[in-house]
Protein backbone atom coordinates (compact mmCIF):
# COMPACT_ATOMS: atom_id res chain seq x y z
CA MET A 1 -104.33 55.73 151.40
CA LYS A 2 -107.53 56.69 153.77
CA LEU A 3 -105.20 60.11 154.72
CA TRP A 4 -105.09 61.17 150.99
CA LEU A 5 -109.28 60.47 150.41
CA PRO A 6 -109.98 63.24 152.14
CA ILE A 7 -107.96 65.62 149.93
CA LEU A 8 -108.37 64.00 146.35
CA LEU A 9 -112.03 64.97 147.67
CA ALA A 10 -111.32 68.30 148.14
CA ILE A 11 -109.54 68.70 145.26
CA PHE A 12 -112.35 67.06 143.03
CA VAL A 13 -114.78 69.33 144.69
CA ILE A 14 -112.78 72.44 143.27
CA ALA A 15 -111.95 71.30 140.37
CA ALA A 16 -115.72 70.08 139.66
CA ALA A 17 -117.07 73.83 140.68
CA PRO A 18 -118.61 75.97 137.89
CA VAL A 19 -116.53 79.15 137.22
CA ALA A 20 -118.70 82.69 138.07
CA GLU A 21 -119.77 84.17 134.72
CA SER A 22 -117.76 87.62 134.08
CA PRO A 23 -120.70 90.12 134.01
CA ALA A 24 -121.12 91.37 130.21
CA TRP A 25 -122.51 94.50 131.03
CA LYS A 26 -122.64 97.68 133.19
CA ALA A 27 -125.93 98.81 134.87
CA GLY A 28 -127.62 101.22 137.02
CA ALA A 29 -130.99 102.70 137.69
CA ALA A 30 -132.46 105.75 139.66
CA SER A 31 -135.60 106.63 140.62
CA ALA A 32 -137.65 109.78 141.77
CA LYS A 33 -140.91 111.07 142.74
CA ILE A 34 -142.75 113.68 140.29
CA THR A 35 -146.12 113.88 141.70
CA PRO A 36 -146.98 117.52 141.48
CA GLU A 37 -146.74 119.57 144.37
CA LYS A 38 -150.47 121.28 143.20
CA ALA A 39 -152.75 121.01 142.33
CA MET A 40 -153.45 120.59 138.22
CA TRP A 41 -155.33 120.13 135.54
CA MET A 42 -154.89 116.27 134.69
CA ALA A 43 -154.71 114.33 131.61
CA GLY A 44 -156.32 111.79 129.51
CA TYR A 45 -159.86 112.64 129.50
CA ALA A 46 -161.88 115.12 127.49
CA GLY A 47 -164.53 115.69 129.83
CA ARG A 48 -162.96 116.70 132.85
CA THR A 49 -164.25 120.01 134.37
CA LYS A 50 -162.16 120.53 137.37
CA PRO A 51 -158.36 120.12 138.56
CA SER A 52 -156.66 117.45 140.75
CA GLU A 53 -158.19 116.86 144.37
CA GLY A 54 -155.16 114.77 146.08
CA VAL A 55 -152.63 111.97 145.13
CA GLU A 56 -154.05 108.17 145.48
CA LEU A 57 -150.42 107.35 144.16
CA ASP A 58 -147.38 108.79 143.77
CA LEU A 59 -146.33 109.29 140.53
CA PHE A 60 -142.22 108.21 139.16
CA ALA A 61 -139.99 108.87 136.94
CA LYS A 62 -137.13 106.51 136.43
CA ALA A 63 -133.72 105.85 134.56
CA PHE A 64 -132.08 102.60 133.76
CA VAL A 65 -128.39 103.03 131.93
CA LEU A 66 -126.91 100.02 130.19
CA THR A 67 -123.09 100.04 128.84
CA ASP A 68 -121.75 97.42 127.07
CA GLN A 69 -118.33 96.13 127.21
CA SER A 70 -117.03 98.88 124.38
CA GLY A 71 -118.47 101.92 126.09
CA GLY A 72 -121.58 101.81 124.36
CA ARG A 73 -124.80 103.11 126.24
CA PHE A 74 -128.54 102.72 126.15
CA ALA A 75 -130.38 104.54 128.72
CA LEU A 76 -134.16 104.19 129.37
CA ILE A 77 -136.54 106.56 130.63
CA THR A 78 -139.84 105.65 131.70
CA MET A 79 -142.35 108.04 133.57
CA ASP A 80 -145.90 107.46 135.50
CA LEU A 81 -147.35 110.32 133.07
CA ILE A 82 -149.49 110.82 129.73
CA GLY A 83 -147.28 110.83 127.69
CA VAL A 84 -144.02 112.38 125.95
CA PRO A 85 -144.29 115.74 123.94
CA ARG A 86 -142.25 115.80 121.49
CA ASN A 87 -140.12 119.18 122.52
CA LEU A 88 -139.58 117.39 125.72
CA ARG A 89 -137.89 114.50 123.91
CA LEU A 90 -135.76 116.58 122.00
CA ALA A 91 -134.11 119.27 124.85
CA ILE A 92 -133.70 115.72 126.95
CA ALA A 93 -131.51 113.92 123.92
CA GLU A 94 -129.65 117.08 123.82
CA ARG A 95 -128.70 117.35 126.80
CA VAL A 96 -128.20 113.71 127.95
CA LYS A 97 -125.76 113.80 124.84
CA LYS A 98 -123.84 116.81 125.62
CA GLU A 99 -124.01 115.97 129.73
CA HIS A 100 -123.60 112.15 129.90
CA GLY A 101 -122.20 111.19 126.66
CA ILE A 102 -125.29 109.16 124.88
CA GLU A 103 -126.37 109.37 121.36
CA PRO A 104 -129.93 110.42 120.83
CA ALA A 105 -130.76 107.38 119.44
CA ASN A 106 -129.72 105.42 122.32
CA LEU A 107 -131.85 106.91 124.24
CA ALA A 108 -135.62 105.87 124.90
CA ILE A 109 -138.60 107.86 126.70
CA ASN A 110 -141.73 105.98 127.34
CA ALA A 111 -144.66 106.78 129.51
CA SER A 112 -146.90 104.50 131.41
CA HIS A 113 -149.82 106.47 129.42
CA THR A 114 -151.78 106.74 133.09
CA HIS A 115 -154.95 108.83 132.93
CA SER A 116 -154.48 110.30 136.41
CA GLY A 117 -151.52 111.83 135.90
CA PRO A 118 -151.38 116.05 135.60
CA GLU A 119 -151.39 117.36 131.78
CA LEU A 120 -148.33 118.55 130.98
CA ARG A 121 -148.95 119.18 126.90
CA THR A 122 -149.92 122.81 127.00
CA SER A 123 -151.31 122.53 123.42
CA LYS A 124 -153.86 119.29 125.14
CA ILE A 125 -155.29 121.94 127.52
CA HIS A 126 -158.54 122.54 126.63
CA GLY A 127 -162.02 123.63 128.06
CA ALA A 128 -160.07 124.24 131.78
CA ASP A 129 -161.86 126.73 134.43
CA ASP A 130 -158.36 129.07 133.82
CA LEU A 131 -156.76 128.31 130.48
CA ALA A 132 -153.69 130.63 130.80
CA LEU A 133 -152.97 129.40 134.61
CA ARG A 134 -153.47 125.64 133.61
CA GLU A 135 -151.25 126.37 130.75
CA LYS A 136 -148.33 127.84 132.96
CA GLU A 137 -148.66 125.28 135.16
CA ALA A 138 -148.24 122.66 132.53
CA ALA A 139 -145.10 124.16 131.17
CA GLU A 140 -143.37 124.74 134.65
CA PHE A 141 -144.20 121.41 135.36
CA THR A 142 -142.40 120.20 131.96
CA ALA A 143 -139.61 122.55 132.58
CA GLN A 144 -138.63 120.87 135.74
CA LEU A 145 -139.55 117.62 134.44
CA GLU A 146 -136.77 117.81 132.23
CA ASN A 147 -134.15 118.60 134.58
CA THR A 148 -135.12 115.59 136.70
CA LEU A 149 -135.14 113.16 133.79
CA VAL A 150 -131.50 114.55 132.54
CA LYS A 151 -130.56 114.37 136.77
CA LEU A 152 -131.81 110.90 136.91
CA VAL A 153 -129.81 109.48 133.70
CA GLY A 154 -126.71 110.65 135.41
CA GLU A 155 -127.46 109.20 138.57
CA ALA A 156 -128.00 106.04 137.05
CA LEU A 157 -124.60 106.37 135.26
CA GLN A 158 -122.88 106.70 138.30
CA LYS A 159 -124.53 104.20 139.80
CA SER A 160 -123.29 101.65 137.18
CA VAL A 161 -121.73 98.34 138.37
CA PRO A 162 -120.36 95.31 136.40
CA ALA A 163 -124.08 93.29 135.98
CA HIS A 164 -125.83 90.63 133.99
CA LEU A 165 -128.78 91.27 131.93
CA ASP A 166 -131.42 88.35 131.71
CA TYR A 167 -134.70 88.44 130.08
CA SER A 168 -137.69 86.25 130.25
CA THR A 169 -141.61 86.52 129.45
CA ALA A 170 -144.82 85.77 131.04
CA ARG A 171 -148.65 86.25 130.58
CA CYS A 172 -151.29 88.80 132.33
CA GLY A 173 -155.21 88.43 131.37
CA VAL A 174 -155.79 92.00 132.37
CA SER A 175 -156.03 93.25 129.27
CA MET A 176 -159.35 93.07 126.28
CA ASN A 177 -159.33 94.48 123.06
CA ARG A 178 -161.86 97.55 123.25
CA ARG A 179 -163.48 97.96 120.12
CA THR A 180 -166.66 95.97 119.22
CA PRO A 181 -168.90 96.08 116.60
CA ASP A 182 -172.04 98.44 117.82
CA GLY A 183 -174.35 96.90 115.27
CA LYS A 184 -174.53 100.14 112.80
CA GLY A 185 -171.52 99.36 110.85
CA GLY A 186 -169.72 101.53 113.45
CA TRP A 187 -167.36 100.61 116.61
CA SER A 188 -167.88 101.24 120.39
CA ASN A 189 -165.22 101.37 123.06
CA PHE A 190 -166.73 98.24 124.87
CA PRO A 191 -164.68 94.86 126.02
CA ASN A 192 -164.24 92.69 123.43
CA PRO A 193 -163.36 89.12 124.12
CA LYS A 194 -162.98 87.93 120.54
CA GLY A 195 -160.88 91.12 119.67
CA PRO A 196 -156.64 91.20 119.17
CA VAL A 197 -154.70 91.25 122.14
CA ASP A 198 -150.89 90.43 123.10
CA GLN A 199 -151.04 89.95 126.82
CA THR A 200 -147.05 88.63 126.52
CA VAL A 201 -145.23 90.46 130.16
CA PRO A 202 -141.45 90.93 128.73
CA VAL A 203 -139.23 91.25 131.46
CA LEU A 204 -135.66 92.16 131.63
CA LYS A 205 -133.93 92.01 134.78
CA ALA A 206 -130.39 93.54 135.69
CA SER A 207 -128.61 92.43 138.23
CA SER A 208 -124.91 92.73 139.85
CA ALA A 209 -122.22 90.15 139.87
CA ASP A 210 -123.41 88.87 143.41
CA GLY A 211 -126.57 88.52 142.65
CA LYS A 212 -128.03 92.01 143.60
CA ASP A 213 -131.02 93.53 141.58
CA ILE A 214 -130.78 96.74 139.81
CA ALA A 215 -133.47 97.14 137.67
CA ILE A 216 -136.60 95.29 136.85
CA ILE A 217 -137.92 96.47 133.41
CA PHE A 218 -141.13 95.10 132.20
CA GLY A 219 -144.19 95.54 129.23
CA TYR A 220 -147.22 95.57 128.98
CA SER A 221 -150.06 96.43 126.24
CA CYS A 222 -152.84 97.85 128.13
CA HIS A 223 -154.06 101.39 128.38
CA CYS A 224 -153.46 102.98 132.23
CA THR A 225 -157.54 103.55 132.25
CA THR A 226 -158.49 101.45 135.24
CA LEU A 227 -159.51 104.77 137.11
CA GLY A 228 -161.07 107.91 136.07
CA HIS A 229 -161.22 109.90 139.51
CA GLN A 230 -159.72 113.34 140.49
CA LYS A 231 -156.68 112.34 142.49
CA PHE A 232 -152.72 111.04 140.73
CA SER A 233 -152.18 108.00 140.33
CA GLY A 234 -149.85 105.49 138.40
CA ASP A 235 -152.89 103.38 137.71
CA TYR A 236 -152.18 99.48 137.49
CA ALA A 237 -148.86 100.26 136.17
CA GLY A 238 -147.98 102.42 139.36
CA TYR A 239 -149.38 99.46 141.56
CA ALA A 240 -147.17 97.05 139.73
CA GLN A 241 -143.65 98.88 140.34
CA GLN A 242 -145.09 98.93 143.99
CA GLU A 243 -145.29 95.54 144.35
CA ILE A 244 -142.24 94.63 142.25
CA GLU A 245 -140.00 97.05 143.96
CA LYS A 246 -141.45 95.41 147.86
CA ALA A 247 -140.62 92.17 146.58
CA HIS A 248 -137.20 93.26 145.36
CA PRO A 249 -136.43 96.12 147.70
CA ASP A 250 -132.90 96.53 145.87
CA ALA A 251 -134.40 97.33 142.47
CA VAL A 252 -136.11 99.71 140.45
CA ALA A 253 -139.13 98.64 138.57
CA MET A 254 -139.57 100.23 135.57
CA PHE A 255 -142.95 99.88 133.49
CA ALA A 256 -142.51 100.44 129.60
CA ASN A 257 -146.47 100.20 127.99
CA GLY A 258 -146.77 98.69 124.47
CA CYS A 259 -149.16 98.71 121.83
CA SER A 260 -152.10 99.53 124.05
CA GLY A 261 -153.91 101.97 121.60
CA ASP A 262 -156.97 99.48 121.05
CA GLN A 263 -156.40 97.89 124.85
CA ASN A 264 -158.29 98.63 128.08
CA PRO A 265 -157.65 96.76 131.60
CA TYR A 266 -161.51 95.38 132.52
CA PRO A 267 -163.39 95.86 134.75
CA ARG A 268 -162.47 99.29 135.67
CA ARG A 269 -163.19 102.12 137.38
CA THR A 270 -162.20 101.91 141.31
CA VAL A 271 -159.10 101.78 143.27
CA GLU A 272 -159.60 98.52 144.45
CA LEU A 273 -159.40 97.19 141.01
CA ALA A 274 -156.43 98.87 140.06
CA GLN A 275 -154.45 97.32 142.75
CA THR A 276 -155.65 93.89 142.10
CA HIS A 277 -154.47 94.74 138.23
CA GLY A 278 -151.38 95.97 139.36
CA LYS A 279 -150.80 92.76 141.36
CA SER A 280 -151.65 90.25 138.83
CA LEU A 281 -149.35 92.37 136.42
CA ALA A 282 -146.45 92.09 139.24
CA THR A 283 -147.66 88.37 139.60
CA SER A 284 -146.97 87.60 136.03
CA VAL A 285 -143.31 89.38 136.32
CA GLN A 286 -142.70 87.43 139.30
CA ALA A 287 -143.34 84.37 137.20
CA ALA A 288 -140.70 85.36 134.46
CA LEU A 289 -138.17 85.84 137.27
CA GLU A 290 -138.68 82.23 138.14
CA THR A 291 -138.00 80.99 134.49
CA HIS A 292 -134.58 79.79 133.36
CA MET A 293 -134.00 83.59 132.08
CA GLN A 294 -131.62 83.89 128.84
CA ARG A 295 -129.02 85.82 129.42
CA LEU A 296 -128.32 88.45 127.19
CA LYS A 297 -124.48 89.12 126.03
CA GLY A 298 -123.25 91.40 122.80
CA PRO A 299 -122.88 94.82 122.07
CA ILE A 300 -125.55 98.05 122.25
CA ARG A 301 -126.30 99.28 118.71
CA ALA A 302 -129.40 101.56 118.10
CA ALA A 303 -130.96 103.55 115.19
CA TYR A 304 -133.62 106.16 115.08
CA ARG A 305 -135.45 108.31 112.70
CA GLU A 306 -138.16 110.45 112.53
CA ILE A 307 -140.39 109.64 109.67
CA PRO A 308 -142.74 112.47 107.75
CA LEU A 309 -145.85 110.67 108.65
CA ALA A 310 -148.63 111.44 106.27
CA TYR A 311 -152.31 112.57 106.71
CA ASP A 312 -154.95 112.10 104.87
CA LYS A 313 -156.34 114.53 102.62
CA LEU A 314 -156.18 118.31 104.45
CA PRO A 315 -159.56 120.11 105.38
CA THR A 316 -160.19 123.23 103.26
CA LYS A 317 -160.69 126.98 105.51
CA GLU A 318 -163.75 126.62 104.16
CA GLN A 319 -165.07 123.20 105.31
CA LEU A 320 -163.32 124.16 108.89
CA LEU A 321 -165.48 127.26 109.01
CA GLU A 322 -168.88 124.93 107.93
CA GLU A 323 -167.65 122.50 110.58
CA GLN A 324 -167.59 125.29 113.19
CA LYS A 325 -171.28 125.54 112.52
CA SER A 326 -171.73 121.61 113.29
CA THR A 327 -173.87 120.94 116.13
CA ASN A 328 -170.88 118.43 117.89
CA THR A 329 -169.03 120.41 120.32
CA TRP A 330 -166.18 119.00 119.66
CA GLN A 331 -166.20 119.62 115.87
CA VAL A 332 -166.73 123.04 116.58
CA THR A 333 -163.73 123.44 119.08
CA HIS A 334 -161.97 120.94 116.86
CA ALA A 335 -162.24 123.49 114.13
CA THR A 336 -161.60 126.27 115.97
CA ARG A 337 -158.44 125.11 116.85
CA VAL A 338 -156.85 124.12 113.22
CA LEU A 339 -158.26 127.38 111.97
CA GLN A 340 -155.67 129.26 114.75
CA ARG A 341 -153.18 127.13 113.70
CA ILE A 342 -153.53 128.28 109.96
CA ALA A 343 -153.79 131.93 111.42
CA ASP A 344 -150.59 131.10 113.94
CA GLU A 345 -148.22 129.18 111.29
CA GLY A 346 -149.76 129.24 107.87
CA PRO A 347 -150.71 126.75 106.01
CA LEU A 348 -151.11 123.09 107.60
CA SER A 349 -148.21 120.26 107.27
CA THR A 350 -149.33 117.37 105.32
CA THR A 351 -146.78 115.39 107.71
CA TYR A 352 -145.61 114.84 110.84
CA PRO A 353 -142.45 114.25 112.27
CA TYR A 354 -143.17 110.57 113.69
CA PRO A 355 -140.39 108.49 115.62
CA VAL A 356 -139.28 105.47 114.75
CA GLN A 357 -136.23 103.58 117.07
CA VAL A 358 -134.93 99.96 116.89
CA LEU A 359 -132.59 98.84 119.84
CA ARG A 360 -130.22 95.70 119.95
CA LEU A 361 -129.38 95.00 123.62
CA GLY A 362 -126.83 92.53 122.52
CA ASN A 363 -127.27 89.49 120.26
CA ASP A 364 -130.50 88.04 120.95
CA LEU A 365 -132.91 90.97 122.02
CA THR A 366 -133.90 93.53 119.41
CA TRP A 367 -136.33 96.39 121.19
CA VAL A 368 -138.73 98.63 118.67
CA THR A 369 -140.40 101.62 120.10
CA LEU A 370 -143.08 103.59 118.29
CA GLY A 371 -144.73 107.00 119.03
CA GLY A 372 -147.86 107.87 119.78
CA GLU A 373 -151.07 105.28 120.71
CA VAL A 374 -150.31 102.09 118.84
CA VAL A 375 -153.21 99.85 118.40
CA VAL A 376 -152.25 96.17 118.73
CA ASP A 377 -151.71 94.86 115.40
CA TYR A 378 -148.26 96.89 115.09
CA SER A 379 -146.78 94.37 118.50
CA LEU A 380 -148.53 91.51 116.85
CA ARG A 381 -147.08 92.18 112.92
CA LEU A 382 -144.04 93.14 114.07
CA LYS A 383 -143.10 89.67 116.28
CA GLN A 384 -143.97 87.76 112.98
CA ASP A 385 -141.80 89.81 110.54
CA ILE A 386 -138.58 90.25 112.50
CA LYS A 387 -136.73 86.95 112.97
CA ASP A 388 -134.97 87.55 116.06
CA PRO A 389 -134.69 85.57 119.12
CA ILE A 390 -136.22 88.11 121.08
CA VAL A 391 -138.41 91.07 119.87
CA TRP A 392 -140.24 93.66 122.36
CA VAL A 393 -142.36 96.03 120.60
CA SER A 394 -143.31 99.59 122.82
CA GLY A 395 -145.67 102.15 122.03
CA TYR A 396 -145.82 105.68 123.73
CA THR A 397 -141.89 105.92 123.16
CA ASN A 398 -140.19 109.45 122.34
CA ASP A 399 -143.14 111.53 121.39
CA VAL A 400 -147.11 110.87 122.07
CA MET A 401 -149.04 112.68 119.51
CA ALA A 402 -152.16 110.98 118.57
CA TYR A 403 -153.53 107.20 117.96
CA ILE A 404 -151.59 105.63 115.53
CA PRO A 405 -154.05 103.18 113.63
CA SER A 406 -153.09 99.64 111.66
CA LEU A 407 -154.89 99.55 107.87
CA ARG A 408 -157.23 97.11 109.90
CA ILE A 409 -158.67 99.80 111.75
CA TRP A 410 -157.66 102.51 109.15
CA GLN A 411 -160.66 100.84 106.99
CA GLU A 412 -162.98 100.27 110.11
CA GLY A 413 -162.56 103.48 111.47
CA GLY A 414 -164.07 104.48 114.79
CA TYR A 415 -162.07 106.06 117.50
CA GLU A 416 -159.08 104.63 117.22
CA GLY A 417 -159.53 105.03 113.15
CA GLY A 418 -159.04 108.75 113.02
CA GLY A 419 -162.38 109.70 115.11
CA ALA A 420 -159.80 110.62 118.13
CA MET A 421 -158.15 113.37 116.24
CA ILE A 422 -160.94 115.50 117.19
CA TYR A 423 -159.82 116.12 120.42
CA GLY A 424 -156.29 117.40 119.61
CA SER A 425 -155.36 119.93 117.24
CA HIS A 426 -154.39 117.44 114.17
CA PRO A 427 -156.13 118.89 111.03
CA THR A 428 -157.27 115.30 110.29
CA ARG A 429 -156.90 111.51 110.26
CA TRP A 430 -153.36 109.97 109.15
CA SER A 431 -153.10 108.31 105.94
CA ASP A 432 -153.93 105.19 104.70
CA LYS A 433 -150.26 104.30 104.24
CA THR A 434 -149.57 104.95 108.07
CA GLU A 435 -148.79 100.94 108.78
CA GLU A 436 -146.73 100.52 105.47
CA ASN A 437 -144.60 103.59 106.23
CA ILE A 438 -144.03 102.17 109.68
CA VAL A 439 -143.21 98.98 109.67
CA ASN A 440 -141.09 99.68 106.56
CA THR A 441 -139.00 101.78 108.35
CA VAL A 442 -138.90 99.31 111.45
CA MET A 443 -137.71 96.84 108.62
CA GLU A 444 -135.08 98.97 107.14
CA LEU A 445 -133.33 100.43 111.16
CA ARG A 446 -133.46 96.75 112.11
CA LYS A 447 -131.13 95.90 108.89
CA ALA A 448 -129.34 99.41 109.52
CA VAL A 449 -128.33 97.88 113.16
CA GLU A 450 -126.79 94.36 111.88
């Protein structure tokens, strides 16, 4: 009996050992530096009067490709840039389908919205020192960026290996609502501790069968506006990605900005604060990674639609000519730009093609992506309205054309409610039906991906 005891114990141990779970996916990720190699006009602040003056922190573009067991694919691209011009999204979607077989509906392109990156939208360059030169530089940068992003998707696809996909969340207190009553019936851009926020940090981790990190994707609803200097930087989101990649050297860390239209990081204005906020966010990501993460399984399903987002009542040519007489410089330049649009393009369109996307990654996670600078009300509402186990809402995806107010903020007015439109080429603010149209579309697309 003594001779048989070790053998019986060994058999028991082998029988009791857990069977390794087979990976339900294939996943791969890739990264490339996209910091401009020369001085360029910078994006994000209308009051800038000179081009960039060096690099504080390199900018990156990153790609993640996920494949389910039936061969369905999802590609995510993230960028340390101000936004995603619509023409760039359309060009990349066409090429990614042609070159890599991924449908446009299954491609999401998110911008961190750093205000310390180059201006790549030529239509947004106003008041530059040399307008023709700066527009040429932006066009050249965007053309190069397009090639880089398509290449990154191919590289991530090539690197794909059998993988697990896990999800969890944590919280981070860096953000605060930035709309504060000014006492005169209006709203100031000032920290409001009583205003609505969404401080959830969603985290998605892809890892190989042997536990090696592939990608760590995380989100947060907060403007990338800690910094206001003249150096390129990914701001707090760039520092957060840097910290995560230091702690997880095999992983590509990817930041997807959320519904940040009315959310700012506080305090602000120094590199040290950007670094501190980045470390705070990275610590929250690490906290999520140390929980009992939820393993995701199932197919990839996606639906994408560009809806005609209506403007409010359009200005007449006579009203624009009158606006040109204003003592407000920004109103004058806005009227001039819109009049130029009429001269170049004819009558103003009453709508804008606005992108709405719903992704189902497995049976539990629903990821909603919206274009523009979506205010936090959308995240809070959609996470209540969509009755799935996990709901993740991102703004700044597939096109960043303007602020997107909720009905509440539209009624309140102020910068995010429509006031910011004078800094671009949109003729007027959006319709009061904006929130209703976007949310209804999200719910329709959710039904379409059952």
